[in-house]
Amino acid sequence: MAQEHTFATPAPAGLAALAVACFGFAAVFLGWVNGRRGFPSCLRGSSARVVQYTTAVMELKDHNITGGNVFLFFSAFFMFGASLSVLSKSS
């Protein structure tokens, strides 16, 4: 029996949010932007991690366990990385 989807797959939005977060990390770690101003505002103010979390929940609801776990891991990783960056530079 075919799987019933209640909505379209959110994977393209999640992948775009992943790309934004990766480019933000790369720009800071390569020294292209000031880490104190560029990185925290880029990831704290953006909705990349929220989009990834929402994508993960929707993928898991549609029984796509692999895709849901990948997006859940990356949303948690970027939230953890952003919080460590802010905490380490707050002094």
C-alpha atoms as a PDB file:
ATOM      1  CA  MET A   1       0.000   0.000   0.000  1.00  0.00           C
ATOM      2  CA  ALA A   2       1.306   3.441  -0.911  1.00  0.00           C
ATOM      3  CA  GLN A   3       2.239   5.810   1.862  1.00  0.00           C
ATOM      4  CA  GLU A   4      -0.208   8.665   2.332  1.00  0.00           C
ATOM      5  CA  HIS A   5       1.364  12.112   2.662  1.00  0.00           C
ATOM      6  CA  THR A   6      -0.633  14.883   4.251  1.00  0.00           C
ATOM      7  CA  PHE A   7       1.616  17.620   2.819  1.00  0.00           C
ATOM      8  CA  ALA A   8       4.552  18.149   0.478  1.00  0.00           C
ATOM      9  CA  THR A   9       8.015  17.127   1.604  1.00  0.00           C
ATOM     10  CA  PRO A  10       9.903  19.868   3.458  1.00  0.00           C
ATOM     11  CA  ALA A  11      13.323  18.455   2.518  1.00  0.00           C
ATOM     12  CA  PRO A  12      14.233  21.229   0.003  1.00  0.00           C
ATOM     13  CA  ALA A  13      13.597  23.908   2.631  1.00  0.00           C
ATOM     14  CA  GLY A  14      15.635  21.957   5.171  1.00  0.00           C
ATOM     15  CA  LEU A  15      18.511  21.551   2.722  1.00  0.00           C
ATOM     16  CA  ALA A  16      18.470  25.273   1.922  1.00  0.00           C
ATOM     17  CA  ALA A  17      18.574  26.070   5.650  1.00  0.00           C
ATOM     18  CA  LEU A  18      21.469  23.633   6.056  1.00  0.00           C
ATOM     19  CA  ALA A  19      23.353  25.405   3.272  1.00  0.00           C
ATOM     20  CA  VAL A  20      22.792  28.820   4.878  1.00  0.00           C
ATOM     21  CA  ALA A  21      24.075  27.552   8.214  1.00  0.00           C
ATOM     22  CA  CYS A  22      27.100  25.863   6.622  1.00  0.00           C
ATOM     23  CA  PHE A  23      28.015  28.991   4.661  1.00  0.00           C
ATOM     24  CA  GLY A  24      27.667  31.032   7.856  1.00  0.00           C
ATOM     25  CA  PHE A  25      30.019  28.721   9.737  1.00  0.00           C
ATOM     26  CA  ALA A  26      32.476  28.647   6.830  1.00  0.00           C
ATOM     27  CA  ALA A  27      32.552  32.441   6.517  1.00  0.00           C
ATOM     28  CA  VAL A  28      33.416  32.836  10.184  1.00  0.00           C
ATOM     29  CA  PHE A  29      35.960  30.036  10.384  1.00  0.00           C
ATOM     30  CA  LEU A  30      37.714  31.189   7.197  1.00  0.00           C
ATOM     31  CA  GLY A  31      37.907  34.731   8.544  1.00  0.00           C
ATOM     32  CA  TRP A  32      35.697  36.347   5.907  1.00  0.00           C
ATOM     33  CA  VAL A  33      33.470  37.998   8.533  1.00  0.00           C
ATOM     34  CA  ASN A  34      34.052  39.172  12.058  1.00  0.00           C
ATOM     35  CA  GLY A  35      33.139  36.258  14.320  1.00  0.00           C
ATOM     36  CA  ARG A  36      31.820  38.442  17.132  1.00  0.00           C
ATOM     37  CA  ARG A  37      29.363  40.351  14.965  1.00  0.00           C
ATOM     38  CA  GLY A  38      28.845  38.163  11.911  1.00  0.00           C
ATOM     39  CA  PHE A  39      28.426  34.691  13.304  1.00  0.00           C
ATOM     40  CA  PRO A  40      26.098  35.069  16.289  1.00  0.00           C
ATOM     41  CA  SER A  41      23.780  37.453  14.467  1.00  0.00           C
ATOM     42  CA  CYS A  42      23.831  35.239  11.374  1.00  0.00           C
ATOM     43  CA  LEU A  43      22.786  32.070  13.194  1.00  0.00           C
ATOM     44  CA  ARG A  44      20.880  33.521  16.133  1.00  0.00           C
ATOM     45  CA  GLY A  45      18.754  35.778  13.973  1.00  0.00           C
ATOM     46  CA  SER A  46      18.243  33.378  11.089  1.00  0.00           C
ATOM     47  CA  SER A  47      15.584  30.746  11.022  1.00  0.00           C
ATOM     48  CA  ALA A  48      17.897  28.051   9.639  1.00  0.00           C
ATOM     49  CA  ARG A  49      17.821  25.923  12.766  1.00  0.00           C
ATOM     50  CA  VAL A  50      14.061  26.398  13.195  1.00  0.00           C
ATOM     51  CA  VAL A  51      13.487  25.344   9.581  1.00  0.00           C
ATOM     52  CA  GLN A  52      15.694  22.289  10.066  1.00  0.00           C
ATOM     53  CA  TYR A  53      13.881  21.300  13.249  1.00  0.00           C
ATOM     54  CA  THR A  54      10.482  21.724  11.586  1.00  0.00           C
ATOM     55  CA  THR A  55      11.690  19.714   8.599  1.00  0.00           C
ATOM     56  CA  ALA A  56      12.891  16.950  10.914  1.00  0.00           C
ATOM     57  CA  VAL A  57       9.544  16.725  12.689  1.00  0.00           C
ATOM     58  CA  MET A  58       7.619  16.644   9.405  1.00  0.00           C
ATOM     59  CA  GLU A  59       9.935  14.013   7.901  1.00  0.00           C
ATOM     60  CA  LEU A  60       9.590  11.842  10.993  1.00  0.00           C
ATOM     61  CA  LYS A  61       5.799  12.242  10.832  1.00  0.00           C
ATOM     62  CA  ASP A  62       5.891  10.897   7.271  1.00  0.00           C
ATOM     63  CA  HIS A  63       7.941   7.890   8.474  1.00  0.00           C
ATOM     64  CA  ASN A  64      11.127   9.043   6.726  1.00  0.00           C
ATOM     65  CA  ILE A  65      13.353   8.065   9.629  1.00  0.00           C
ATOM     66  CA  THR A  66      16.699   8.688   7.908  1.00  0.00           C
ATOM     67  CA  GLY A  67      15.814  12.152   6.642  1.00  0.00           C
ATOM     68  CA  GLY A  68      14.206  13.136   9.926  1.00  0.00           C
ATOM     69  CA  ASN A  69      17.201  12.034  11.964  1.00  0.00           C
ATOM     70  CA  VAL A  70      19.661  13.828   9.685  1.00  0.00           C
ATOM     71  CA  PHE A  71      17.774  17.118   9.905  1.00  0.00           C
ATOM     72  CA  LEU A  72      17.289  16.699  13.654  1.00  0.00           C
ATOM     73  CA  PHE A  73      21.019  16.089  14.122  1.00  0.00           C
ATOM     74  CA  PHE A  74      22.033  19.134  12.087  1.00  0.00           C
ATOM     75  CA  SER A  75      19.523  21.429  13.765  1.00  0.00           C
ATOM     76  CA  ALA A  76      20.838  20.349  17.176  1.00  0.00           C
ATOM     77  CA  PHE A  77      24.452  20.620  15.988  1.00  0.00           C
ATOM     78  CA  PHE A  78      24.010  24.177  14.724  1.00  0.00           C
ATOM     79  CA  MET A  79      22.117  25.247  17.851  1.00  0.00           C
ATOM     80  CA  PHE A  80      24.900  23.791  19.999  1.00  0.00           C
ATOM     81  CA  GLY A  81      27.625  25.359  17.843  1.00  0.00           C
ATOM     82  CA  ALA A  82      25.994  28.777  17.895  1.00  0.00           C
ATOM     83  CA  SER A  83      25.499  28.684  21.648  1.00  0.00           C
ATOM     84  CA  LEU A  84      29.129  27.638  22.236  1.00  0.00           C
ATOM     85  CA  SER A  85      30.314  30.445  19.988  1.00  0.00           C
ATOM     86  CA  VAL A  86      28.243  33.032  21.823  1.00  0.00           C
ATOM     87  CA  LEU A  87      29.283  31.733  25.254  1.00  0.00           C
ATOM     88  CA  SER A  88      32.972  31.645  24.393  1.00  0.00           C
ATOM     89  CA  LYS A  89      32.972  35.230  23.099  1.00  0.00           C
ATOM     90  CA  SER A  90      30.733  36.811  25.727  1.00  0.00           C
ATOM     91  CA  SER A  91      33.506  37.772  28.144  1.00  0.00           C
END
